[in-house]
């Protein structure tokens, strides 16, 4: 199953963004997100929006995926724009909405131009100083499952919705929600069974059971 949007999968390419190391791109995403607290005027956000779209074009990212990403976020942005306009003013509402949209698109460009293996390697390196608290490999495995699962769930929902629309049931929430939940539960069970088959969910056996005596019987 496939899901629309920039977050679906890595898009291979040879652009400057594709060749750029992860950390500068990550710093750019953080900077775009921080603008919401550092900049008060909506005009810089509009300029960043144009820059992000230009970067997407320069990286040869499919524009339909960019448009679909924005479309999934559009209902929330519209409601937020109306609320902020009502509670503050139009300039502030545009500032908030563009800030969220820019951060979303920037993160999508990062994931679309960076292989998942590079992202996971970066997570492992960042988690190594915390190895006494968490296992970096487990953190990377967890993130890898999330990265794989989110597009799968989105694709499952899209496929079920198309099937319901073909039967004239797209306005019935049960025709969409129930099959999607069944698919997600089946996917989660299959993922858990695959991890268990590889011994990745077994508890550590470093310490003996304190309730078992030296003779092999419970005291």
N, C-alpha and C. Protein backbone atom coordinates (compact mmCIF):
# COMPACT_ATOMS: atom_id res chain seq x y z
N UNK A 1 0.84 -1.18 0.00
CA UNK A 1 0.00 0.00 0.00
C UNK A 1 0.89 1.24 0.00
N UNK A 2 0.43 2.28 -0.68
CA UNK A 2 1.17 3.52 -0.72
C UNK A 2 0.33 4.62 -0.13
N UNK A 3 1.00 5.65 0.36
CA UNK A 3 0.29 6.79 0.92
C UNK A 3 0.82 8.03 0.25
N UNK A 4 -0.04 9.06 0.10
CA UNK A 4 0.40 10.28 -0.56
C UNK A 4 1.25 11.11 0.37
N UNK A 5 1.97 12.04 -0.23
CA UNK A 5 2.68 13.01 0.58
C UNK A 5 4.18 12.84 0.58
N UNK A 6 4.85 13.87 1.08
CA UNK A 6 6.31 13.86 1.13
C UNK A 6 6.86 12.82 2.07
N UNK A 7 6.07 12.42 3.07
CA UNK A 7 6.57 11.51 4.09
C UNK A 7 6.44 10.04 3.69
N UNK A 8 6.01 9.77 2.46
CA UNK A 8 5.81 8.39 2.04
C UNK A 8 7.10 7.60 2.02
N UNK A 9 8.11 8.11 1.32
CA UNK A 9 9.38 7.39 1.19
C UNK A 9 10.43 8.33 0.65
N UNK A 10 11.67 7.88 0.73
CA UNK A 10 12.78 8.65 0.18
C UNK A 10 12.67 8.72 -1.33
N UNK A 11 12.93 9.90 -1.89
CA UNK A 11 12.92 10.10 -3.34
C UNK A 11 14.37 10.19 -3.81
N UNK A 12 14.89 9.17 -4.49
CA UNK A 12 16.29 9.22 -4.94
C UNK A 12 16.52 10.39 -5.89
N UNK A 13 17.71 10.95 -5.81
CA UNK A 13 18.06 12.06 -6.69
C UNK A 13 19.50 12.46 -6.52
N UNK A 14 19.95 13.39 -7.35
CA UNK A 14 21.34 13.87 -7.32
C UNK A 14 21.41 15.37 -7.07
N UNK A 15 20.34 15.97 -6.57
CA UNK A 15 20.32 17.40 -6.34
C UNK A 15 21.22 17.78 -5.17
N UNK A 16 21.41 19.08 -4.98
CA UNK A 16 22.22 19.56 -3.87
C UNK A 16 21.64 19.11 -2.53
N UNK A 17 20.32 19.13 -2.41
CA UNK A 17 19.68 18.69 -1.17
C UNK A 17 19.92 17.21 -0.92
N UNK A 18 19.89 16.41 -1.96
CA UNK A 18 20.14 14.98 -1.80
C UNK A 18 21.58 14.71 -1.38
N UNK A 19 22.53 15.50 -1.88
CA UNK A 19 23.94 15.28 -1.55
C UNK A 19 24.35 15.92 -0.24
N UNK A 20 23.53 16.83 0.26
CA UNK A 20 23.88 17.54 1.49
C UNK A 20 23.81 16.59 2.68
N UNK A 21 24.74 16.70 3.64
CA UNK A 21 24.67 15.86 4.85
C UNK A 21 23.39 16.13 5.63
N UNK A 22 23.08 15.20 6.51
CA UNK A 22 21.83 15.29 7.26
C UNK A 22 21.79 16.50 8.19
N UNK A 23 22.89 16.77 8.89
CA UNK A 23 22.84 17.76 9.97
C UNK A 23 22.53 19.17 9.47
N UNK A 24 23.09 19.65 8.35
CA UNK A 24 22.67 20.97 7.86
C UNK A 24 21.18 21.02 7.51
N UNK A 25 20.67 19.96 6.92
CA UNK A 25 19.24 19.94 6.61
C UNK A 25 18.40 19.94 7.88
N UNK A 26 18.83 19.18 8.87
CA UNK A 26 18.11 19.15 10.14
C UNK A 26 18.16 20.51 10.81
N UNK A 27 19.30 21.19 10.74
CA UNK A 27 19.40 22.54 11.31
C UNK A 27 18.45 23.49 10.59
N UNK A 28 18.31 23.33 9.28
CA UNK A 28 17.37 24.16 8.54
C UNK A 28 15.93 23.93 8.97
N UNK A 29 15.57 22.68 9.19
CA UNK A 29 14.22 22.37 9.64
C UNK A 29 13.96 22.99 11.01
N UNK A 30 14.95 22.89 11.90
CA UNK A 30 14.80 23.47 13.24
C UNK A 30 14.66 24.99 13.14
N UNK A 31 15.45 25.61 12.25
CA UNK A 31 15.37 27.06 12.08
C UNK A 31 14.00 27.48 11.56
N UNK A 32 13.45 26.73 10.62
CA UNK A 32 12.12 27.04 10.10
C UNK A 32 11.07 26.92 11.21
N UNK A 33 11.19 25.88 12.02
CA UNK A 33 10.25 25.73 13.13
C UNK A 33 10.39 26.80 14.18
N UNK A 34 11.63 27.26 14.41
CA UNK A 34 11.86 28.28 15.44
C UNK A 34 11.37 29.65 15.02
N UNK A 35 11.13 29.85 13.74
CA UNK A 35 10.65 31.16 13.29
C UNK A 35 9.36 31.58 13.96
N UNK A 36 8.53 30.60 14.32
CA UNK A 36 7.24 30.94 14.94
C UNK A 36 7.42 31.72 16.23
N UNK A 37 8.55 31.51 16.92
CA UNK A 37 8.81 32.21 18.18
C UNK A 37 9.73 33.41 18.01
N UNK A 38 10.45 33.48 16.90
CA UNK A 38 11.44 34.52 16.72
C UNK A 38 10.99 35.65 15.80
N UNK A 39 10.00 35.39 14.95
CA UNK A 39 9.56 36.37 13.96
C UNK A 39 8.09 36.67 14.17
N UNK A 40 7.75 37.95 14.14
CA UNK A 40 6.36 38.34 14.37
C UNK A 40 5.59 38.71 13.12
N UNK A 41 6.29 39.11 12.07
CA UNK A 41 5.63 39.53 10.84
C UNK A 41 5.36 38.33 9.93
N UNK A 42 4.24 38.34 9.21
CA UNK A 42 3.95 37.21 8.31
C UNK A 42 4.79 37.21 7.04
N UNK A 43 5.41 38.36 6.68
CA UNK A 43 6.12 38.43 5.40
C UNK A 43 7.33 37.51 5.34
N UNK A 44 8.15 37.41 6.38
CA UNK A 44 9.25 36.44 6.32
C UNK A 44 8.76 35.01 6.14
N UNK A 45 7.61 34.69 6.72
CA UNK A 45 7.06 33.34 6.55
C UNK A 45 6.66 33.10 5.11
N UNK A 46 6.10 34.12 4.47
CA UNK A 46 5.74 33.98 3.06
C UNK A 46 6.98 33.78 2.20
N UNK A 47 8.07 34.49 2.55
CA UNK A 47 9.32 34.31 1.81
C UNK A 47 9.86 32.90 2.00
N UNK A 48 9.81 32.38 3.23
CA UNK A 48 10.27 31.02 3.48
C UNK A 48 9.42 30.01 2.72
N UNK A 49 8.13 30.27 2.62
CA UNK A 49 7.25 29.38 1.85
C UNK A 49 7.71 29.28 0.40
N UNK A 50 8.03 30.42 -0.19
CA UNK A 50 8.51 30.42 -1.58
C UNK A 50 9.85 29.68 -1.69
N UNK A 51 10.73 29.89 -0.71
CA UNK A 51 12.02 29.21 -0.73
C UNK A 51 11.85 27.70 -0.63
N UNK A 52 10.96 27.25 0.24
CA UNK A 52 10.74 25.81 0.40
C UNK A 52 10.19 25.19 -0.88
N UNK A 53 9.25 25.87 -1.52
CA UNK A 53 8.72 25.34 -2.77
C UNK A 53 9.80 25.33 -3.86
N UNK A 54 10.66 26.36 -3.86
CA UNK A 54 11.76 26.37 -4.83
C UNK A 54 12.73 25.23 -4.57
N UNK A 55 13.01 24.93 -3.29
CA UNK A 55 13.88 23.82 -2.95
C UNK A 55 13.27 22.49 -3.38
N UNK A 56 11.95 22.36 -3.20
CA UNK A 56 11.29 21.12 -3.63
C UNK A 56 11.40 20.93 -5.14
N UNK A 57 11.24 22.03 -5.88
CA UNK A 57 11.37 21.95 -7.34
C UNK A 57 12.82 21.64 -7.72
N UNK A 58 13.78 22.31 -7.05
CA UNK A 58 15.19 22.08 -7.37
C UNK A 58 15.61 20.64 -7.07
N UNK A 59 14.99 20.04 -6.04
CA UNK A 59 15.31 18.65 -5.69
C UNK A 59 14.54 17.65 -6.53
N UNK A 60 13.74 18.14 -7.49
CA UNK A 60 12.95 17.27 -8.38
C UNK A 60 11.99 16.39 -7.59
N UNK A 61 11.46 16.92 -6.50
CA UNK A 61 10.44 16.18 -5.75
C UNK A 61 9.12 16.28 -6.49
N UNK A 62 8.36 15.20 -6.58
CA UNK A 62 7.07 15.26 -7.27
C UNK A 62 6.14 16.29 -6.61
N UNK A 63 5.72 17.27 -7.39
CA UNK A 63 4.88 18.32 -6.82
C UNK A 63 3.55 17.78 -6.34
N UNK A 64 3.07 16.69 -6.95
CA UNK A 64 1.80 16.13 -6.50
C UNK A 64 1.91 15.61 -5.07
N UNK A 65 3.10 15.13 -4.70
CA UNK A 65 3.28 14.68 -3.32
C UNK A 65 3.30 15.86 -2.36
N UNK A 66 3.91 16.96 -2.79
CA UNK A 66 3.90 18.16 -1.97
C UNK A 66 2.49 18.69 -1.80
N UNK A 67 1.74 18.73 -2.89
CA UNK A 67 0.36 19.22 -2.82
C UNK A 67 -0.51 18.31 -1.96
N UNK A 68 -0.31 17.00 -2.07
CA UNK A 68 -1.09 16.08 -1.25
C UNK A 68 -0.73 16.20 0.22
N UNK A 69 0.54 16.49 0.51
CA UNK A 69 0.94 16.69 1.90
C UNK A 69 0.20 17.89 2.48
N UNK A 70 0.17 18.99 1.72
CA UNK A 70 -0.52 20.19 2.19
C UNK A 70 -2.01 19.94 2.30
N UNK A 71 -2.55 19.15 1.37
CA UNK A 71 -4.00 18.89 1.40
C UNK A 71 -4.41 18.13 2.65
N UNK A 72 -3.57 17.22 3.12
CA UNK A 72 -3.91 16.50 4.35
C UNK A 72 -3.92 17.42 5.56
N UNK A 73 -3.11 18.47 5.51
CA UNK A 73 -3.03 19.41 6.63
C UNK A 73 -3.99 20.58 6.48
N UNK A 74 -4.55 20.76 5.29
CA UNK A 74 -5.35 21.95 4.98
C UNK A 74 -6.55 22.16 5.91
N UNK A 75 -7.35 21.12 6.22
CA UNK A 75 -8.50 21.37 7.12
C UNK A 75 -8.09 21.95 8.47
N UNK A 76 -7.00 21.44 9.03
CA UNK A 76 -6.53 21.97 10.31
C UNK A 76 -6.06 23.41 10.16
N UNK A 77 -5.37 23.70 9.07
CA UNK A 77 -4.89 25.06 8.85
C UNK A 77 -6.03 26.05 8.67
N UNK A 78 -7.08 25.63 7.97
CA UNK A 78 -8.22 26.52 7.76
C UNK A 78 -8.91 26.84 9.08
N UNK A 79 -9.14 25.82 9.89
CA UNK A 79 -9.77 26.04 11.21
C UNK A 79 -8.89 26.92 12.08
N UNK A 80 -7.60 26.65 12.06
CA UNK A 80 -6.68 27.45 12.88
C UNK A 80 -6.62 28.89 12.40
N UNK A 81 -6.63 29.08 11.08
CA UNK A 81 -6.63 30.44 10.54
C UNK A 81 -7.86 31.21 10.98
N UNK A 82 -9.03 30.57 10.90
CA UNK A 82 -10.27 31.23 11.30
C UNK A 82 -10.26 31.57 12.79
N UNK A 83 -9.79 30.65 13.61
CA UNK A 83 -9.79 30.89 15.05
C UNK A 83 -8.82 32.01 15.42
N UNK A 84 -7.60 31.98 14.86
CA UNK A 84 -6.62 33.01 15.19
C UNK A 84 -7.04 34.37 14.64
N UNK A 85 -7.70 34.39 13.51
CA UNK A 85 -8.22 35.64 12.96
C UNK A 85 -9.29 36.21 13.88
N UNK A 86 -10.15 35.33 14.38
CA UNK A 86 -11.22 35.78 15.28
C UNK A 86 -10.67 36.25 16.63
N UNK A 87 -9.67 35.54 17.16
CA UNK A 87 -9.16 35.86 18.49
C UNK A 87 -8.09 36.94 18.47
N UNK A 88 -7.38 37.12 17.33
CA UNK A 88 -6.34 38.15 17.26
C UNK A 88 -6.59 39.04 16.05
N UNK A 89 -5.89 38.81 14.97
CA UNK A 89 -6.10 39.56 13.73
C UNK A 89 -5.59 38.72 12.57
N UNK A 90 -5.81 39.20 11.36
CA UNK A 90 -5.47 38.41 10.17
C UNK A 90 -3.96 38.22 10.05
N UNK A 91 -3.18 39.25 10.34
CA UNK A 91 -1.72 39.13 10.21
C UNK A 91 -1.19 38.04 11.15
N UNK A 92 -1.68 38.03 12.38
CA UNK A 92 -1.22 37.00 13.32
C UNK A 92 -1.68 35.62 12.88
N UNK A 93 -2.89 35.52 12.35
CA UNK A 93 -3.41 34.23 11.90
C UNK A 93 -2.56 33.69 10.75
N UNK A 94 -2.20 34.56 9.79
CA UNK A 94 -1.36 34.12 8.68
C UNK A 94 0.02 33.71 9.18
N UNK A 95 0.53 34.45 10.14
CA UNK A 95 1.83 34.13 10.74
C UNK A 95 1.83 32.73 11.35
N UNK A 96 0.79 32.40 12.10
CA UNK A 96 0.71 31.09 12.76
C UNK A 96 0.55 29.97 11.72
N UNK A 97 -0.34 30.17 10.77
CA UNK A 97 -0.62 29.12 9.79
C UNK A 97 0.59 28.86 8.89
N UNK A 98 1.21 29.93 8.41
CA UNK A 98 2.39 29.75 7.56
C UNK A 98 3.54 29.12 8.34
N UNK A 99 3.66 29.46 9.63
CA UNK A 99 4.71 28.85 10.44
C UNK A 99 4.54 27.34 10.54
N UNK A 100 3.31 26.90 10.77
CA UNK A 100 3.05 25.46 10.87
C UNK A 100 3.25 24.78 9.51
N UNK A 101 2.70 25.39 8.45
CA UNK A 101 2.81 24.80 7.12
C UNK A 101 4.27 24.72 6.68
N UNK A 102 5.05 25.76 6.95
CA UNK A 102 6.46 25.74 6.56
C UNK A 102 7.24 24.66 7.30
N UNK A 103 7.00 24.53 8.60
CA UNK A 103 7.69 23.48 9.36
C UNK A 103 7.31 22.10 8.84
N UNK A 104 6.06 21.91 8.49
CA UNK A 104 5.59 20.63 7.96
C UNK A 104 6.27 20.32 6.63
N UNK A 105 6.31 21.30 5.74
CA UNK A 105 6.92 21.08 4.43
C UNK A 105 8.42 20.88 4.55
N UNK A 106 9.07 21.64 5.42
CA UNK A 106 10.51 21.49 5.61
C UNK A 106 10.85 20.08 6.11
N UNK A 107 10.08 19.58 7.07
CA UNK A 107 10.31 18.22 7.56
C UNK A 107 10.06 17.20 6.45
N UNK A 108 9.05 17.45 5.63
CA UNK A 108 8.78 16.54 4.52
C UNK A 108 9.89 16.53 3.50
N UNK A 109 10.45 17.69 3.20
CA UNK A 109 11.59 17.75 2.27
C UNK A 109 12.78 17.01 2.85
N UNK A 110 13.00 17.14 4.15
CA UNK A 110 14.10 16.43 4.80
C UNK A 110 13.96 14.92 4.63
N UNK A 111 12.78 14.38 4.93
CA UNK A 111 12.58 12.94 4.83
C UNK A 111 12.59 12.46 3.38
N UNK A 112 12.16 13.32 2.45
CA UNK A 112 12.11 12.92 1.05
C UNK A 112 13.48 12.92 0.41
N UNK A 113 14.42 13.72 0.93
CA UNK A 113 15.75 13.82 0.32
C UNK A 113 16.83 13.11 1.15
N UNK A 114 16.44 12.44 2.20
CA UNK A 114 17.41 11.75 3.06
C UNK A 114 17.03 10.28 3.17
N UNK A 115 17.92 9.36 2.85
CA UNK A 115 17.59 7.93 3.01
C UNK A 115 17.28 7.60 4.46
N UNK A 116 16.38 6.65 4.64
CA UNK A 116 15.98 6.25 5.99
C UNK A 116 17.17 5.73 6.78
N UNK A 117 18.08 5.05 6.10
CA UNK A 117 19.25 4.52 6.81
C UNK A 117 20.09 5.64 7.41
N UNK A 118 20.20 6.77 6.69
CA UNK A 118 20.95 7.90 7.23
C UNK A 118 20.24 8.48 8.45
N UNK A 119 18.92 8.55 8.40
CA UNK A 119 18.17 9.05 9.55
C UNK A 119 18.36 8.15 10.76
N UNK A 120 18.28 6.84 10.54
CA UNK A 120 18.43 5.91 11.66
C UNK A 120 19.85 5.93 12.21
N UNK A 121 20.85 6.04 11.33
CA UNK A 121 22.24 6.13 11.81
C UNK A 121 22.43 7.38 12.66
N UNK A 122 21.80 8.48 12.26
CA UNK A 122 21.92 9.71 13.04
C UNK A 122 21.27 9.55 14.41
N UNK A 123 20.14 8.86 14.45
CA UNK A 123 19.48 8.62 15.73
C UNK A 123 20.37 7.78 16.65
N UNK A 124 21.00 6.75 16.08
CA UNK A 124 21.89 5.90 16.88
C UNK A 124 23.04 6.72 17.44
N UNK A 125 23.65 7.56 16.62
CA UNK A 125 24.76 8.38 17.09
C UNK A 125 24.32 9.36 18.16
N UNK A 126 23.12 9.95 17.98
CA UNK A 126 22.64 10.91 18.97
C UNK A 126 22.29 10.23 20.29
N UNK A 127 21.88 8.95 20.23
CA UNK A 127 21.48 8.24 21.45
C UNK A 127 22.64 7.58 22.18
N UNK A 128 23.81 7.52 21.57
CA UNK A 128 24.94 6.84 22.21
C UNK A 128 25.34 7.45 23.55
N UNK A 129 25.31 8.79 23.72
CA UNK A 129 25.62 9.33 25.06
C UNK A 129 24.64 8.88 26.14
N UNK A 130 23.47 8.40 25.73
CA UNK A 130 22.46 7.96 26.70
C UNK A 130 22.40 6.44 26.78
N UNK A 131 23.48 5.77 26.38
CA UNK A 131 23.44 4.30 26.32
C UNK A 131 23.20 3.66 27.69
N UNK A 132 23.50 4.37 28.78
CA UNK A 132 23.23 3.83 30.10
C UNK A 132 21.74 3.81 30.41
N UNK A 133 20.99 4.63 29.71
CA UNK A 133 19.55 4.73 29.96
C UNK A 133 18.76 3.96 28.90
N UNK A 134 19.14 4.13 27.63
CA UNK A 134 18.43 3.47 26.52
C UNK A 134 19.45 2.81 25.60
N UNK A 135 19.00 1.78 24.93
CA UNK A 135 19.84 1.10 23.94
C UNK A 135 19.69 1.83 22.61
N UNK A 136 20.76 2.42 22.07
CA UNK A 136 20.63 3.15 20.80
C UNK A 136 20.05 2.32 19.66
N UNK A 137 20.40 1.02 19.61
CA UNK A 137 19.89 0.17 18.55
C UNK A 137 18.38 -0.03 18.68
N UNK A 138 17.90 -0.13 19.92
CA UNK A 138 16.46 -0.27 20.14
C UNK A 138 15.74 1.01 19.73
N UNK A 139 16.34 2.16 20.04
CA UNK A 139 15.75 3.43 19.62
C UNK A 139 15.66 3.51 18.11
N UNK A 140 16.72 3.12 17.43
CA UNK A 140 16.71 3.14 15.97
C UNK A 140 15.67 2.17 15.41
N UNK A 141 15.58 0.99 16.01
CA UNK A 141 14.58 0.01 15.57
C UNK A 141 13.18 0.56 15.74
N UNK A 142 12.93 1.19 16.89
CA UNK A 142 11.60 1.76 17.14
C UNK A 142 11.27 2.84 16.12
N UNK A 143 12.23 3.72 15.87
CA UNK A 143 12.00 4.78 14.89
C UNK A 143 11.78 4.20 13.50
N UNK A 144 12.55 3.15 13.17
CA UNK A 144 12.37 2.52 11.87
C UNK A 144 10.98 1.94 11.70
N UNK A 145 10.46 1.33 12.75
CA UNK A 145 9.09 0.79 12.69
C UNK A 145 8.08 1.90 12.52
N UNK A 146 8.29 3.01 13.24
CA UNK A 146 7.37 4.15 13.11
C UNK A 146 7.41 4.72 11.71
N UNK A 147 8.63 4.91 11.18
CA UNK A 147 8.77 5.47 9.84
C UNK A 147 8.09 4.59 8.80
N UNK A 148 8.17 3.30 9.01
CA UNK A 148 7.52 2.38 8.06
C UNK A 148 6.02 2.29 8.28
N UNK A 149 5.59 2.39 9.54
CA UNK A 149 4.19 2.16 9.86
C UNK A 149 3.29 3.34 9.48
N UNK A 150 3.78 4.57 9.69
CA UNK A 150 2.94 5.74 9.43
C UNK A 150 2.47 5.78 7.98
N UNK A 151 3.38 5.66 6.98
CA UNK A 151 2.88 5.63 5.60
C UNK A 151 1.96 4.45 5.33
N UNK A 152 2.25 3.30 5.96
CA UNK A 152 1.40 2.13 5.72
C UNK A 152 -0.01 2.38 6.22
N UNK A 153 -0.14 2.94 7.40
CA UNK A 153 -1.47 3.22 7.96
C UNK A 153 -2.20 4.25 7.10
N UNK A 154 -1.47 5.29 6.68
CA UNK A 154 -2.09 6.29 5.81
C UNK A 154 -2.53 5.68 4.49
N UNK A 155 -1.70 4.80 3.94
CA UNK A 155 -2.08 4.13 2.70
C UNK A 155 -3.27 3.21 2.87
N UNK A 156 -3.33 2.52 4.02
CA UNK A 156 -4.47 1.66 4.30
C UNK A 156 -5.76 2.47 4.37
N UNK A 157 -5.68 3.60 5.05
CA UNK A 157 -6.87 4.46 5.15
C UNK A 157 -7.31 4.95 3.78
N UNK A 158 -6.34 5.36 2.93
CA UNK A 158 -6.68 5.84 1.60
C UNK A 158 -7.30 4.74 0.76
N UNK A 159 -6.76 3.52 0.84
CA UNK A 159 -7.29 2.41 0.06
C UNK A 159 -8.70 2.04 0.51
N UNK A 160 -8.92 2.01 1.83
CA UNK A 160 -10.25 1.69 2.33
C UNK A 160 -11.25 2.77 1.93
N UNK A 161 -10.83 4.02 2.00
CA UNK A 161 -11.74 5.11 1.62
C UNK A 161 -12.11 5.03 0.15
N UNK A 162 -11.14 4.70 -0.71
CA UNK A 162 -11.45 4.55 -2.13
C UNK A 162 -12.40 3.39 -2.36
N UNK A 163 -12.20 2.30 -1.63
CA UNK A 163 -13.10 1.16 -1.77
C UNK A 163 -14.51 1.52 -1.31
N UNK A 164 -14.60 2.26 -0.21
CA UNK A 164 -15.92 2.67 0.28
C UNK A 164 -16.58 3.63 -0.70
N UNK A 165 -15.80 4.51 -1.30
CA UNK A 165 -16.37 5.45 -2.27
C UNK A 165 -16.89 4.70 -3.50
N UNK A 166 -16.19 3.64 -3.92
CA UNK A 166 -16.64 2.86 -5.07
C UNK A 166 -17.97 2.18 -4.79
N UNK A 167 -18.24 1.87 -3.50
CA UNK A 167 -19.51 1.23 -3.13
C UNK A 167 -20.56 2.24 -2.70
N UNK A 168 -20.24 3.53 -2.80
CA UNK A 168 -21.19 4.56 -2.41
C UNK A 168 -21.32 4.71 -0.91
N UNK A 169 -20.30 4.26 -0.15
CA UNK A 169 -20.38 4.31 1.32
C UNK A 169 -19.35 5.27 1.91
N UNK A 170 -18.84 6.20 1.10
CA UNK A 170 -17.79 7.08 1.60
C UNK A 170 -18.27 8.02 2.69
N UNK A 171 -19.60 8.23 2.80
CA UNK A 171 -20.14 9.09 3.85
C UNK A 171 -20.47 8.32 5.13
N UNK A 172 -20.28 7.02 5.11
CA UNK A 172 -20.53 6.21 6.29
C UNK A 172 -19.21 5.99 7.03
N UNK A 173 -19.04 6.59 8.22
CA UNK A 173 -17.76 6.45 8.92
C UNK A 173 -17.39 4.99 9.21
N UNK A 174 -18.39 4.15 9.48
CA UNK A 174 -18.10 2.75 9.80
C UNK A 174 -17.48 2.02 8.63
N UNK A 175 -17.85 2.40 7.41
CA UNK A 175 -17.31 1.72 6.22
C UNK A 175 -15.85 2.05 6.01
N UNK A 176 -15.35 3.10 6.65
CA UNK A 176 -13.95 3.49 6.50
C UNK A 176 -13.15 3.14 7.75
N UNK A 177 -13.71 3.47 8.91
CA UNK A 177 -12.96 3.32 10.16
C UNK A 177 -12.77 1.85 10.52
N UNK A 178 -13.83 1.05 10.45
CA UNK A 178 -13.74 -0.35 10.89
C UNK A 178 -12.74 -1.15 10.06
N UNK A 179 -12.80 -1.13 8.71
CA UNK A 179 -11.79 -1.88 7.96
C UNK A 179 -10.37 -1.37 8.20
N UNK A 180 -10.22 -0.04 8.37
CA UNK A 180 -8.88 0.50 8.63
C UNK A 180 -8.34 -0.01 9.95
N UNK A 181 -9.17 -0.04 10.99
CA UNK A 181 -8.74 -0.54 12.29
C UNK A 181 -8.34 -2.01 12.18
N UNK A 182 -9.12 -2.80 11.45
CA UNK A 182 -8.80 -4.22 11.27
C UNK A 182 -7.44 -4.38 10.58
N UNK A 183 -7.20 -3.58 9.54
CA UNK A 183 -5.91 -3.65 8.84
C UNK A 183 -4.76 -3.26 9.75
N UNK A 184 -4.96 -2.19 10.54
CA UNK A 184 -3.89 -1.71 11.41
C UNK A 184 -3.57 -2.75 12.49
N UNK A 185 -4.61 -3.36 13.07
CA UNK A 185 -4.39 -4.38 14.10
C UNK A 185 -3.65 -5.57 13.51
N UNK A 186 -4.05 -5.99 12.31
CA UNK A 186 -3.37 -7.12 11.66
C UNK A 186 -1.92 -6.77 11.36
N UNK A 187 -1.68 -5.54 10.93
CA UNK A 187 -0.30 -5.12 10.65
C UNK A 187 0.52 -5.10 11.93
N UNK A 188 -0.06 -4.60 13.01
CA UNK A 188 0.66 -4.55 14.29
C UNK A 188 1.00 -5.95 14.79
N UNK A 189 0.05 -6.89 14.66
CA UNK A 189 0.31 -8.26 15.09
C UNK A 189 1.40 -8.90 14.24
N UNK A 190 1.35 -8.66 12.93
CA UNK A 190 2.37 -9.23 12.05
C UNK A 190 3.75 -8.66 12.38
N UNK A 191 3.80 -7.37 12.67
CA UNK A 191 5.07 -6.75 13.04
C UNK A 191 5.59 -7.33 14.35
N UNK A 192 4.71 -7.48 15.34
CA UNK A 192 5.11 -8.05 16.62
C UNK A 192 5.60 -9.48 16.48
N UNK A 193 4.92 -10.27 15.65
CA UNK A 193 5.35 -11.66 15.45
C UNK A 193 6.70 -11.71 14.74
N UNK A 194 6.94 -10.80 13.80
CA UNK A 194 8.24 -10.78 13.12
C UNK A 194 9.35 -10.41 14.09
N UNK A 195 9.10 -9.45 14.99
CA UNK A 195 10.10 -9.08 15.98
C UNK A 195 10.36 -10.23 16.95
N UNK A 196 9.28 -10.90 17.38
CA UNK A 196 9.44 -12.02 18.30
C UNK A 196 10.20 -13.17 17.66
N UNK A 197 9.97 -13.40 16.37
CA UNK A 197 10.67 -14.48 15.68
C UNK A 197 12.17 -14.23 15.61
N UNK A 198 12.55 -12.97 15.66
CA UNK A 198 13.98 -12.62 15.64
C UNK A 198 14.54 -12.41 17.03
N UNK A 199 13.74 -12.70 18.07
CA UNK A 199 14.19 -12.57 19.44
C UNK A 199 14.37 -11.14 19.91
N UNK A 200 13.70 -10.19 19.23
CA UNK A 200 13.87 -8.78 19.58
C UNK A 200 12.91 -8.32 20.66
N UNK A 201 11.98 -9.17 21.07
CA UNK A 201 11.04 -8.78 22.12
C UNK A 201 11.23 -9.61 23.37
N UNK A 202 12.23 -10.50 23.39
CA UNK A 202 12.45 -11.34 24.57
C UNK A 202 13.10 -10.54 25.67
N UNK A 203 12.69 -10.71 26.92
CA UNK A 203 13.33 -9.99 28.02
C UNK A 203 14.73 -10.53 28.26
N UNK A 204 15.65 -9.68 28.77
CA UNK A 204 17.01 -10.14 29.02
C UNK A 204 17.05 -11.18 30.12
N UNK A 205 18.00 -12.11 29.97
CA UNK A 205 18.15 -13.18 30.96
C UNK A 205 19.47 -13.04 31.72
N UNK A 206 19.89 -11.80 31.95
CA UNK A 206 21.18 -11.58 32.59
C UNK A 206 21.17 -11.98 34.06
N UNK A 207 20.01 -11.81 34.73
CA UNK A 207 19.93 -12.10 36.15
C UNK A 207 19.03 -13.29 36.38
N UNK A 208 19.43 -14.20 37.31
CA UNK A 208 18.59 -15.36 37.59
C UNK A 208 17.33 -14.95 38.33
N UNK A 209 16.32 -15.80 38.24
CA UNK A 209 15.07 -15.56 38.95
C UNK A 209 15.33 -15.70 40.44
N UNK A 210 15.08 -14.65 41.26
CA UNK A 210 15.38 -14.76 42.69
C UNK A 210 14.49 -15.76 43.41
N UNK A 211 13.35 -16.12 42.78
CA UNK A 211 12.43 -17.06 43.43
C UNK A 211 12.83 -18.51 43.22
N UNK A 212 13.87 -18.74 42.37
CA UNK A 212 14.27 -20.12 42.08
C UNK A 212 15.52 -20.43 42.88
N UNK A 213 15.49 -21.46 43.66
CA UNK A 213 16.64 -21.83 44.50
C UNK A 213 17.74 -22.46 43.70
N UNK A 214 18.82 -22.74 44.37
CA UNK A 214 19.97 -23.31 43.67
C UNK A 214 19.68 -24.73 43.19
N UNK A 215 18.66 -25.41 43.78
CA UNK A 215 18.34 -26.76 43.38
C UNK A 215 17.40 -26.83 42.22
N UNK A 216 17.03 -25.62 41.64
CA UNK A 216 16.14 -25.63 40.49
C UNK A 216 14.69 -25.61 40.89
N UNK A 217 14.37 -25.52 42.21
CA UNK A 217 12.99 -25.46 42.66
C UNK A 217 12.77 -24.14 43.38
N UNK A 218 11.53 -23.65 43.30
CA UNK A 218 11.18 -22.42 44.01
C UNK A 218 11.18 -22.65 45.49
N UNK A 219 11.72 -21.70 46.20
CA UNK A 219 11.77 -21.82 47.67
C UNK A 219 10.43 -21.51 48.28
